[in-house]
Amino acid sequence: MLSRGGLYSLMSSFLVVLLAMCVTGMLEQSGVLISLVEPLVKRTHGSTFRITLATMVIPLITNMIGSSMLLTSIVAGSLMKNVFKNNNLAPENLSRNIEDAGTMGAPVIPWNSNTIFCSQMLAVSPYAYFPYVFLAF
C-alpha cells in the first residue's frame, strides 16, 4: 500500500476535496453562497419539483465551472442543504439529485476531468463517445 503508490496516488483527490471544503466553508461563512442561492430559491416558491430542478442545475453549472465531480458534490450539497431542510425534504433526495446531475452529468461536459479521462482511455475525441454515455442522458 505504501510502496506502490496506494496512498500517494490518492493525494490529488484528497487535495481537491480538502480545497473544495475550505473554499465552500469560507464562502458559506462569508454569506456569498446564501446570496447566490437566494434568488434561485425564491423562484421555486416551495415547489418540490422546482427545488429538485434547481438542485439538478447547480451541479451541472458547478461541473462546467470547476471541471471536477468531487468539487460539484461538496458545493452543491452545501448550497442546497438548508433549502431542503427548510422545505421538509429528505436529505436523501438532495444526495440523489446531486448524484443524478453532478456525477452522471460530468461525462457529457467536454472539458470535465471525467470526459478527458474517458476520451483519452478510448483514444477518441469527447464527442465521439457521447452516444455511448446513454446512462447520463
C-alpha atoms as a PDB file:
ATOM      1  CA  MET A   1       0.000   0.000   0.000  1.00  0.00           C
ATOM      2  CA  LEU A   2       2.848   2.375   0.764  1.00  0.00           C
ATOM      3  CA  SER A   3       5.444   1.137  -1.720  1.00  0.00           C
ATOM      4  CA  ARG A   4       3.263   1.004  -4.855  1.00  0.00           C
ATOM      5  CA  GLY A   5       1.642   4.410  -4.536  1.00  0.00           C
ATOM      6  CA  GLY A   6      -1.646   3.411  -2.895  1.00  0.00           C
ATOM      7  CA  LEU A   7      -1.944   6.355  -0.544  1.00  0.00           C
ATOM      8  CA  TYR A   8       0.223   8.641  -2.624  1.00  0.00           C
ATOM      9  CA  SER A   9      -1.932   8.147  -5.714  1.00  0.00           C
ATOM     10  CA  LEU A  10      -4.984   9.283  -3.752  1.00  0.00           C
ATOM     11  CA  MET A  11      -3.337  12.541  -2.704  1.00  0.00           C
ATOM     12  CA  SER A  12      -4.637  14.553  -5.665  1.00  0.00           C
ATOM     13  CA  SER A  13      -8.247  13.512  -4.977  1.00  0.00           C
ATOM     14  CA  PHE A  14      -7.801  14.237  -1.293  1.00  0.00           C
ATOM     15  CA  LEU A  15      -6.408  17.699  -2.017  1.00  0.00           C
ATOM     16  CA  VAL A  16      -9.320  18.534  -4.350  1.00  0.00           C
ATOM     17  CA  VAL A  17     -11.818  17.549  -1.656  1.00  0.00           C
ATOM     18  CA  LEU A  18      -9.916  19.408   1.054  1.00  0.00           C
ATOM     19  CA  LEU A  19      -9.632  22.595  -1.004  1.00  0.00           C
ATOM     20  CA  ALA A  20     -13.288  22.368  -2.054  1.00  0.00           C
ATOM     21  CA  MET A  21     -14.330  22.050   1.578  1.00  0.00           C
ATOM     22  CA  CYS A  22     -12.141  25.013   2.566  1.00  0.00           C
ATOM     23  CA  VAL A  23     -13.440  27.256  -0.209  1.00  0.00           C
ATOM     24  CA  THR A  24     -17.043  26.204   0.385  1.00  0.00           C
ATOM     25  CA  GLY A  25     -16.674  26.845   4.121  1.00  0.00           C
ATOM     26  CA  MET A  26     -15.235  30.300   3.551  1.00  0.00           C
ATOM     27  CA  LEU A  27     -17.939  31.208   1.041  1.00  0.00           C
ATOM     28  CA  GLU A  28     -20.668  29.853   3.306  1.00  0.00           C
ATOM     29  CA  GLN A  29     -19.448  31.711   6.407  1.00  0.00           C
ATOM     30  CA  SER A  30     -18.996  34.971   4.500  1.00  0.00           C
ATOM     31  CA  GLY A  31     -22.552  34.775   3.149  1.00  0.00           C
ATOM     32  CA  VAL A  32     -21.590  34.546  -0.508  1.00  0.00           C
ATOM     33  CA  LEU A  33     -23.294  31.171  -1.015  1.00  0.00           C
ATOM     34  CA  ILE A  34     -26.537  32.376   0.502  1.00  0.00           C
ATOM     35  CA  SER A  35     -26.599  35.391  -1.800  1.00  0.00           C
ATOM     36  CA  LEU A  36     -26.017  33.108  -4.803  1.00  0.00           C
ATOM     37  CA  VAL A  37     -28.748  30.634  -3.894  1.00  0.00           C
ATOM     38  CA  GLU A  38     -31.363  33.055  -2.552  1.00  0.00           C
ATOM     39  CA  PRO A  39     -32.648  34.317  -5.948  1.00  0.00           C
ATOM     40  CA  LEU A  40     -32.902  30.752  -7.200  1.00  0.00           C
ATOM     41  CA  VAL A  41     -34.740  29.590  -4.082  1.00  0.00           C
ATOM     42  CA  LYS A  42     -37.222  32.470  -4.272  1.00  0.00           C
ATOM     43  CA  ARG A  43     -38.214  31.336  -7.762  1.00  0.00           C
ATOM     44  CA  THR A  44     -39.044  27.839  -6.528  1.00  0.00           C
ATOM     45  CA  HIS A  45     -41.911  29.096  -4.311  1.00  0.00           C
ATOM     46  CA  GLY A  46     -41.583  25.962  -2.169  1.00  0.00           C
ATOM     47  CA  SER A  47     -42.460  23.640  -5.060  1.00  0.00           C
ATOM     48  CA  THR A  48     -40.775  20.266  -4.697  1.00  0.00           C
ATOM     49  CA  PHE A  49     -40.408  19.930  -8.456  1.00  0.00           C
ATOM     50  CA  ARG A  50     -38.764  23.347  -8.792  1.00  0.00           C
ATOM     51  CA  ILE A  51     -36.433  22.716  -5.852  1.00  0.00           C
ATOM     52  CA  THR A  52     -35.424  19.407  -7.423  1.00  0.00           C
ATOM     53  CA  LEU A  53     -34.846  21.085 -10.770  1.00  0.00           C
ATOM     54  CA  ALA A  54     -32.771  23.839  -9.164  1.00  0.00           C
ATOM     55  CA  THR A  55     -30.791  21.226  -7.267  1.00  0.00           C
ATOM     56  CA  MET A  56     -30.015  19.465 -10.534  1.00  0.00           C
ATOM     57  CA  VAL A  57     -28.994  22.670 -12.334  1.00  0.00           C
ATOM     58  CA  ILE A  58     -26.472  23.732  -9.680  1.00  0.00           C
ATOM     59  CA  PRO A  59     -24.225  20.639 -10.042  1.00  0.00           C
ATOM     60  CA  LEU A  60     -24.234  20.969 -13.814  1.00  0.00           C
ATOM     61  CA  ILE A  61     -23.131  24.597 -13.579  1.00  0.00           C
ATOM     62  CA  THR A  62     -20.537  23.719 -10.950  1.00  0.00           C
ATOM     63  CA  ASN A  63     -19.257  20.913 -13.180  1.00  0.00           C
ATOM     64  CA  MET A  64     -18.911  23.371 -16.044  1.00  0.00           C
ATOM     65  CA  ILE A  65     -17.010  25.862 -13.913  1.00  0.00           C
ATOM     66  CA  GLY A  66     -14.907  23.577 -11.715  1.00  0.00           C
ATOM     67  CA  SER A  67     -14.454  20.619 -14.079  1.00  0.00           C
ATOM     68  CA  SER A  68     -14.439  18.259 -11.116  1.00  0.00           C
ATOM     69  CA  MET A  69     -17.123  15.913  -9.892  1.00  0.00           C
ATOM     70  CA  LEU A  70     -15.713  15.994  -6.343  1.00  0.00           C
ATOM     71  CA  LEU A  71     -15.981  19.761  -6.172  1.00  0.00           C
ATOM     72  CA  THR A  72     -19.510  19.605  -7.538  1.00  0.00           C
ATOM     73  CA  SER A  73     -20.761  17.267  -4.838  1.00  0.00           C
ATOM     74  CA  ILE A  74     -19.423  19.379  -1.999  1.00  0.00           C
ATOM     75  CA  VAL A  75     -20.512  22.769  -3.340  1.00  0.00           C
ATOM     76  CA  ALA A  76     -23.999  21.689  -4.438  1.00  0.00           C
ATOM     77  CA  GLY A  77     -24.624  19.887  -1.164  1.00  0.00           C
ATOM     78  CA  SER A  78     -23.565  22.918   0.856  1.00  0.00           C
ATOM     79  CA  LEU A  79     -25.684  25.249  -1.255  1.00  0.00           C
ATOM     80  CA  MET A  80     -28.905  23.280  -1.079  1.00  0.00           C
ATOM     81  CA  LYS A  81     -28.861  21.544   2.316  1.00  0.00           C
ATOM     82  CA  ASN A  82     -30.692  24.374   4.107  1.00  0.00           C
ATOM     83  CA  VAL A  83     -33.230  24.681   1.278  1.00  0.00           C
ATOM     84  CA  PHE A  84     -34.123  21.015   1.653  1.00  0.00           C
ATOM     85  CA  LYS A  85     -34.229  21.322   5.441  1.00  0.00           C
ATOM     86  CA  ASN A  86     -36.462  24.428   5.359  1.00  0.00           C
ATOM     87  CA  ASN A  87     -38.897  22.778   2.938  1.00  0.00           C
ATOM     88  CA  ASN A  88     -39.031  19.498   4.923  1.00  0.00           C
ATOM     89  CA  LEU A  89     -37.493  17.472   2.102  1.00  0.00           C
ATOM     90  CA  ALA A  90     -35.440  14.384   2.843  1.00  0.00           C
ATOM     91  CA  PRO A  91     -31.665  14.823   2.653  1.00  0.00           C
ATOM     92  CA  GLU A  92     -31.539  11.524   0.756  1.00  0.00           C
ATOM     93  CA  ASN A  93     -33.273  13.274  -2.130  1.00  0.00           C
ATOM     94  CA  LEU A  94     -30.630  16.001  -2.107  1.00  0.00           C
ATOM     95  CA  SER A  95     -27.943  13.360  -2.360  1.00  0.00           C
ATOM     96  CA  ARG A  96     -29.810  11.612  -5.160  1.00  0.00           C
ATOM     97  CA  ASN A  97     -30.275  14.855  -7.125  1.00  0.00           C
ATOM     98  CA  ILE A  98     -26.597  15.729  -6.824  1.00  0.00           C
ATOM     99  CA  GLU A  99     -25.693  12.215  -7.937  1.00  0.00           C
ATOM    100  CA  ASP A 100     -28.071  12.285 -10.894  1.00  0.00           C
ATOM    101  CA  ALA A 101     -26.990  15.668 -12.210  1.00  0.00           C
ATOM    102  CA  GLY A 102     -23.434  16.054 -10.931  1.00  0.00           C
ATOM    103  CA  THR A 103     -21.939  12.600 -11.221  1.00  0.00           C
ATOM    104  CA  MET A 104     -23.911  11.398 -14.214  1.00  0.00           C
ATOM    105  CA  GLY A 105     -23.727  14.766 -15.970  1.00  0.00           C
ATOM    106  CA  ALA A 106     -19.950  15.101 -15.691  1.00  0.00           C
ATOM    107  CA  PRO A 107     -19.083  12.863 -18.681  1.00  0.00           C
ATOM    108  CA  VAL A 108     -21.142  14.982 -21.085  1.00  0.00           C
ATOM    109  CA  ILE A 109     -19.244  18.206 -20.392  1.00  0.00           C
ATOM    110  CA  PRO A 110     -16.328  18.124 -22.875  1.00  0.00           C
ATOM    111  CA  TRP A 111     -13.779  19.889 -20.642  1.00  0.00           C
ATOM    112  CA  ASN A 112     -14.628  17.994 -17.446  1.00  0.00           C
ATOM    113  CA  SER A 113     -11.927  15.764 -15.967  1.00  0.00           C
ATOM    114  CA  ASN A 114     -14.174  12.684 -16.329  1.00  0.00           C
ATOM    115  CA  THR A 115     -14.666  13.330 -20.038  1.00  0.00           C
ATOM    116  CA  ILE A 116     -10.979  13.913 -20.628  1.00  0.00           C
ATOM    117  CA  PHE A 117     -10.108  10.680 -18.833  1.00  0.00           C
ATOM    118  CA  CYS A 118     -12.675   8.639 -20.796  1.00  0.00           C
ATOM    119  CA  SER A 119     -11.716  10.109 -24.150  1.00  0.00           C
ATOM    120  CA  GLN A 120      -8.001   9.572 -23.534  1.00  0.00           C
ATOM    121  CA  MET A 121      -8.513   5.962 -22.431  1.00  0.00           C
ATOM    122  CA  LEU A 122     -10.615   5.251 -25.521  1.00  0.00           C
ATOM    123  CA  ALA A 123      -8.284   7.311 -27.751  1.00  0.00           C
ATOM    124  CA  VAL A 124     -11.211   9.208 -29.267  1.00  0.00           C
ATOM    125  CA  SER A 125     -12.497  12.759 -29.061  1.00  0.00           C
ATOM    126  CA  PRO A 126     -15.020  13.526 -26.310  1.00  0.00           C
ATOM    127  CA  TYR A 127     -17.736  13.974 -28.919  1.00  0.00           C
ATOM    128  CA  ALA A 128     -17.088  10.532 -30.438  1.00  0.00           C
ATOM    129  CA  TYR A 129     -18.085   8.672 -27.286  1.00  0.00           C
ATOM    130  CA  PHE A 130     -21.158  10.789 -26.375  1.00  0.00           C
ATOM    131  CA  PRO A 131     -23.623   8.347 -27.996  1.00  0.00           C
ATOM    132  CA  TYR A 132     -22.345   5.693 -25.587  1.00  0.00           C
ATOM    133  CA  VAL A 133     -22.948   7.750 -22.459  1.00  0.00           C
ATOM    134  CA  PHE A 134     -26.642   6.857 -22.532  1.00  0.00           C
ATOM    135  CA  LEU A 135     -26.826   6.481 -18.742  1.00  0.00           C
ATOM    136  CA  ALA A 136     -26.078  10.192 -18.334  1.00  0.00           C
ATOM    137  CA  PHE A 137     -28.856  11.129 -20.726  1.00  0.00           C
END
